Amino acid sequence: RSWKVPRSRRQKELYAKKVMEGPLDGCLKLKAMSSTTEGAPQEIEYYLKVGAKRMGPIKHKFSESTVSGCDDFGVDWLKQLEPDLSLTVCVEILK
């Protein structure tokens, strides 16, 4: 997904409102270099987590494509914020 930079005053106001009030969605991608090392795993299995929302398991062969992930967590990311307004993002690699 690509975002255009808000240009007009109205576009900037709408953008600021979305970021402050939501709903705000996003994607999370994992990028790994493919390995030529003998015995390196051909496929990696992992979970992605944003706040309390966990997605997966996701299986991906990084030797075929160096980027994998989840395009839609199906939650408002603003509602996943901690009381201190931080956002916890995790990658749990299984194998």
N, C-alpha and C. Protein backbone atom coordinates (compact mmCIF):
# COMPACT_ATOMS: atom_id res chain seq x y z
N ARG A 1 0.86 -1.16 0.00
CA ARG A 1 0.00 0.00 0.00
C ARG A 1 0.90 1.21 0.00
N SER A 2 0.59 2.19 -0.81
CA SER A 2 1.39 3.40 -0.79
C SER A 2 0.52 4.57 -0.37
N TRP A 3 1.09 5.44 0.43
CA TRP A 3 0.36 6.61 0.92
C TRP A 3 0.91 7.83 0.22
N LYS A 4 0.01 8.68 -0.22
CA LYS A 4 0.43 9.95 -0.80
C LYS A 4 0.53 10.97 0.32
N VAL A 5 1.47 11.86 0.19
CA VAL A 5 1.65 12.92 1.19
C VAL A 5 0.48 13.89 1.05
N PRO A 6 -0.22 14.19 2.18
CA PRO A 6 -1.32 15.15 2.10
C PRO A 6 -0.82 16.52 1.66
N ARG A 7 -1.46 17.09 0.67
CA ARG A 7 -1.00 18.36 0.12
C ARG A 7 -1.85 19.54 0.59
N SER A 8 -3.15 19.44 0.43
CA SER A 8 -4.01 20.57 0.78
C SER A 8 -4.26 20.61 2.29
N ARG A 9 -4.75 21.75 2.74
CA ARG A 9 -5.08 21.90 4.16
C ARG A 9 -6.11 20.86 4.58
N ARG A 10 -7.13 20.64 3.75
CA ARG A 10 -8.19 19.67 4.05
C ARG A 10 -7.62 18.25 4.14
N GLN A 11 -6.75 17.88 3.21
CA GLN A 11 -6.12 16.55 3.23
C GLN A 11 -5.29 16.38 4.51
N LYS A 12 -4.58 17.42 4.90
CA LYS A 12 -3.78 17.36 6.12
C LYS A 12 -4.65 17.20 7.35
N GLU A 13 -5.79 17.89 7.37
CA GLU A 13 -6.73 17.77 8.49
C GLU A 13 -7.31 16.36 8.58
N LEU A 14 -7.70 15.79 7.44
CA LEU A 14 -8.24 14.43 7.42
C LEU A 14 -7.20 13.41 7.87
N TYR A 15 -5.97 13.59 7.43
CA TYR A 15 -4.87 12.70 7.81
C TYR A 15 -4.64 12.77 9.32
N ALA A 16 -4.57 13.99 9.86
CA ALA A 16 -4.34 14.16 11.30
C ALA A 16 -5.47 13.53 12.11
N LYS A 17 -6.71 13.68 11.63
CA LYS A 17 -7.85 13.11 12.33
C LYS A 17 -7.76 11.58 12.34
N LYS A 18 -7.40 10.99 11.22
CA LYS A 18 -7.28 9.53 11.14
C LYS A 18 -6.19 9.02 12.08
N VAL A 19 -5.07 9.70 12.12
CA VAL A 19 -3.97 9.28 12.98
C VAL A 19 -4.32 9.44 14.46
N MET A 20 -5.09 10.45 14.80
CA MET A 20 -5.42 10.70 16.20
C MET A 20 -6.66 9.94 16.67
N GLU A 21 -7.65 9.76 15.80
CA GLU A 21 -8.92 9.17 16.21
C GLU A 21 -9.17 7.77 15.66
N GLY A 22 -8.53 7.42 14.55
CA GLY A 22 -8.71 6.11 13.96
C GLY A 22 -9.98 6.00 13.16
N PRO A 23 -10.32 4.84 12.70
CA PRO A 23 -9.51 3.64 12.86
C PRO A 23 -8.24 3.72 12.01
N LEU A 24 -7.17 3.18 12.54
CA LEU A 24 -5.88 3.20 11.87
C LEU A 24 -5.44 1.76 11.64
N ASP A 25 -5.26 1.41 10.39
CA ASP A 25 -4.80 0.05 10.10
C ASP A 25 -3.40 0.12 9.50
N GLY A 26 -2.76 -1.01 9.44
CA GLY A 26 -1.42 -1.06 8.90
C GLY A 26 -1.03 -2.47 8.56
N CYS A 27 0.12 -2.60 7.97
CA CYS A 27 0.64 -3.93 7.64
C CYS A 27 2.00 -4.08 8.33
N LEU A 28 2.40 -5.32 8.48
CA LEU A 28 3.69 -5.62 9.10
C LEU A 28 4.40 -6.62 8.21
N LYS A 29 5.63 -6.30 7.83
CA LYS A 29 6.40 -7.14 6.92
C LYS A 29 7.69 -7.59 7.60
N LEU A 30 8.11 -8.78 7.26
CA LEU A 30 9.37 -9.34 7.74
C LEU A 30 10.26 -9.53 6.53
N LYS A 31 11.47 -9.02 6.60
CA LYS A 31 12.41 -9.15 5.50
C LYS A 31 13.63 -9.91 5.99
N ALA A 32 14.03 -10.93 5.24
CA ALA A 32 15.20 -11.72 5.60
C ALA A 32 15.99 -12.04 4.34
N MET A 33 17.27 -11.98 4.46
CA MET A 33 18.11 -12.35 3.32
C MET A 33 18.08 -13.86 3.16
N SER A 34 18.06 -14.30 1.94
CA SER A 34 18.11 -15.74 1.71
C SER A 34 19.53 -16.23 2.01
N SER A 35 19.62 -17.46 2.49
CA SER A 35 20.91 -18.02 2.88
C SER A 35 21.36 -19.07 1.87
N THR A 36 22.63 -19.03 1.57
CA THR A 36 23.20 -20.05 0.69
C THR A 36 23.94 -21.11 1.52
N THR A 37 23.86 -20.97 2.85
CA THR A 37 24.53 -21.90 3.75
C THR A 37 23.85 -23.26 3.71
N GLU A 38 24.66 -24.29 3.57
CA GLU A 38 24.12 -25.65 3.55
C GLU A 38 23.45 -25.94 4.90
N GLY A 39 22.27 -26.51 4.86
CA GLY A 39 21.54 -26.84 6.07
C GLY A 39 20.67 -25.71 6.59
N ALA A 40 20.71 -24.55 5.94
CA ALA A 40 19.85 -23.43 6.36
C ALA A 40 18.40 -23.78 6.06
N PRO A 41 17.48 -23.35 6.91
CA PRO A 41 16.07 -23.70 6.68
C PRO A 41 15.57 -23.14 5.35
N GLN A 42 14.84 -23.97 4.61
CA GLN A 42 14.27 -23.54 3.35
C GLN A 42 12.98 -22.75 3.57
N GLU A 43 12.31 -23.05 4.67
CA GLU A 43 11.05 -22.38 4.98
C GLU A 43 11.07 -21.96 6.44
N ILE A 44 10.59 -20.77 6.72
CA ILE A 44 10.52 -20.27 8.10
C ILE A 44 9.05 -20.13 8.47
N GLU A 45 8.74 -20.54 9.69
CA GLU A 45 7.39 -20.42 10.21
C GLU A 45 7.43 -19.42 11.37
N TYR A 46 6.50 -18.47 11.36
CA TYR A 46 6.55 -17.42 12.38
C TYR A 46 5.16 -16.83 12.63
N TYR A 47 5.04 -16.11 13.74
CA TYR A 47 3.85 -15.33 14.09
C TYR A 47 4.23 -13.86 14.10
N LEU A 48 3.29 -13.01 13.75
CA LEU A 48 3.44 -11.56 13.89
C LEU A 48 2.40 -11.09 14.90
N LYS A 49 2.78 -10.12 15.71
CA LYS A 49 1.87 -9.63 16.73
C LYS A 49 1.96 -8.11 16.81
N VAL A 50 0.79 -7.46 16.83
CA VAL A 50 0.67 -6.02 17.04
C VAL A 50 -0.27 -5.84 18.21
N GLY A 51 0.23 -5.29 19.31
CA GLY A 51 -0.59 -5.18 20.52
C GLY A 51 -0.99 -6.58 20.96
N ALA A 52 -2.28 -6.80 21.12
CA ALA A 52 -2.77 -8.12 21.56
C ALA A 52 -3.15 -9.01 20.38
N LYS A 53 -3.11 -8.50 19.16
CA LYS A 53 -3.53 -9.25 17.97
C LYS A 53 -2.37 -10.04 17.39
N ARG A 54 -2.53 -11.37 17.37
CA ARG A 54 -1.48 -12.27 16.87
C ARG A 54 -1.96 -12.90 15.57
N MET A 55 -1.12 -12.90 14.56
CA MET A 55 -1.44 -13.48 13.26
C MET A 55 -0.46 -14.61 12.94
N GLY A 56 -1.00 -15.69 12.40
CA GLY A 56 -0.14 -16.79 12.00
C GLY A 56 -0.67 -18.11 12.50
N PRO A 57 0.09 -19.17 12.36
CA PRO A 57 1.47 -19.12 11.87
C PRO A 57 1.53 -18.83 10.38
N ILE A 58 2.57 -18.12 10.00
CA ILE A 58 2.84 -17.80 8.61
C ILE A 58 4.06 -18.61 8.20
N LYS A 59 3.96 -19.30 7.08
CA LYS A 59 5.09 -20.07 6.54
C LYS A 59 5.54 -19.38 5.27
N HIS A 60 6.86 -19.20 5.15
CA HIS A 60 7.39 -18.51 3.97
C HIS A 60 8.78 -19.01 3.63
N LYS A 61 9.04 -19.13 2.34
CA LYS A 61 10.37 -19.49 1.84
C LYS A 61 11.08 -18.20 1.43
N PHE A 62 11.95 -17.72 2.29
CA PHE A 62 12.66 -16.47 2.02
C PHE A 62 13.68 -16.62 0.91
N SER A 63 14.00 -17.87 0.53
CA SER A 63 14.88 -18.10 -0.61
C SER A 63 14.18 -17.74 -1.91
N GLU A 64 12.83 -17.73 -1.91
CA GLU A 64 12.06 -17.40 -3.10
C GLU A 64 11.67 -15.92 -3.13
N SER A 65 11.45 -15.33 -1.97
CA SER A 65 11.09 -13.92 -1.85
C SER A 65 11.57 -13.44 -0.49
N THR A 66 12.29 -12.33 -0.44
CA THR A 66 12.91 -11.88 0.81
C THR A 66 11.94 -11.17 1.75
N VAL A 67 10.71 -10.89 1.29
CA VAL A 67 9.74 -10.17 2.11
C VAL A 67 8.46 -10.98 2.25
N SER A 68 7.96 -11.05 3.49
CA SER A 68 6.71 -11.74 3.79
C SER A 68 6.03 -10.99 4.92
N GLY A 69 4.74 -11.22 5.09
CA GLY A 69 4.08 -10.57 6.21
C GLY A 69 2.58 -10.62 6.13
N CYS A 70 1.97 -9.72 6.86
CA CYS A 70 0.52 -9.66 6.97
C CYS A 70 0.07 -8.26 6.54
N ASP A 71 -0.77 -8.20 5.53
CA ASP A 71 -1.24 -6.91 5.02
C ASP A 71 -2.38 -6.31 5.83
N ASP A 72 -3.12 -7.15 6.56
CA ASP A 72 -4.28 -6.64 7.29
C ASP A 72 -4.45 -7.42 8.59
N PHE A 73 -4.29 -6.75 9.71
CA PHE A 73 -4.48 -7.38 11.01
C PHE A 73 -5.94 -7.39 11.42
N GLY A 74 -6.77 -6.61 10.73
CA GLY A 74 -8.19 -6.59 11.04
C GLY A 74 -8.54 -5.90 12.35
N VAL A 75 -7.64 -5.05 12.83
CA VAL A 75 -7.89 -4.31 14.07
C VAL A 75 -7.49 -2.85 13.88
N ASP A 76 -8.05 -2.00 14.73
CA ASP A 76 -7.64 -0.60 14.79
C ASP A 76 -6.36 -0.54 15.61
N TRP A 77 -5.26 -0.19 14.98
CA TRP A 77 -3.97 -0.18 15.69
C TRP A 77 -3.98 0.78 16.87
N LEU A 78 -4.75 1.84 16.81
CA LEU A 78 -4.81 2.79 17.93
C LEU A 78 -5.38 2.13 19.18
N LYS A 79 -6.27 1.16 19.00
CA LYS A 79 -6.85 0.45 20.15
C LYS A 79 -5.87 -0.57 20.73
N GLN A 80 -4.75 -0.80 20.08
CA GLN A 80 -3.74 -1.72 20.57
C GLN A 80 -2.64 -1.00 21.37
N LEU A 81 -2.76 0.31 21.49
CA LEU A 81 -1.76 1.09 22.23
C LEU A 81 -1.79 0.76 23.72
N GLU A 82 -0.62 0.79 24.33
CA GLU A 82 -0.49 0.61 25.78
C GLU A 82 -0.88 1.93 26.46
N PRO A 83 -1.11 1.90 27.78
CA PRO A 83 -1.45 3.15 28.49
C PRO A 83 -0.43 4.27 28.31
N ASP A 84 0.84 3.92 28.10
CA ASP A 84 1.86 4.95 27.88
C ASP A 84 1.96 5.37 26.40
N LEU A 85 0.99 4.90 25.58
CA LEU A 85 0.88 5.20 24.16
C LEU A 85 1.94 4.51 23.30
N SER A 86 2.61 3.50 23.85
CA SER A 86 3.54 2.71 23.04
C SER A 86 2.76 1.60 22.34
N LEU A 87 3.34 1.05 21.30
CA LEU A 87 2.74 -0.05 20.56
C LEU A 87 3.73 -1.20 20.52
N THR A 88 3.32 -2.35 21.03
CA THR A 88 4.20 -3.52 21.03
C THR A 88 4.04 -4.27 19.73
N VAL A 89 5.16 -4.52 19.06
CA VAL A 89 5.21 -5.27 17.80
C VAL A 89 6.19 -6.41 17.99
N CYS A 90 5.74 -7.65 17.69
CA CYS A 90 6.60 -8.82 17.93
C CYS A 90 6.65 -9.72 16.71
N VAL A 91 7.77 -10.41 16.58
CA VAL A 91 7.94 -11.50 15.62
C VAL A 91 8.39 -12.70 16.43
N GLU A 92 7.63 -13.80 16.36
CA GLU A 92 7.98 -15.03 17.04
C GLU A 92 8.32 -16.08 15.99
N ILE A 93 9.58 -16.44 15.87
CA ILE A 93 10.03 -17.39 14.86
C ILE A 93 10.01 -18.79 15.48
N LEU A 94 9.28 -19.69 14.82
CA LEU A 94 9.13 -21.06 15.32
C LEU A 94 10.24 -21.95 14.78
N LYS A 95 10.46 -21.92 13.47
CA LYS A 95 11.53 -22.73 12.87
C LYS A 95 11.93 -22.15 11.55
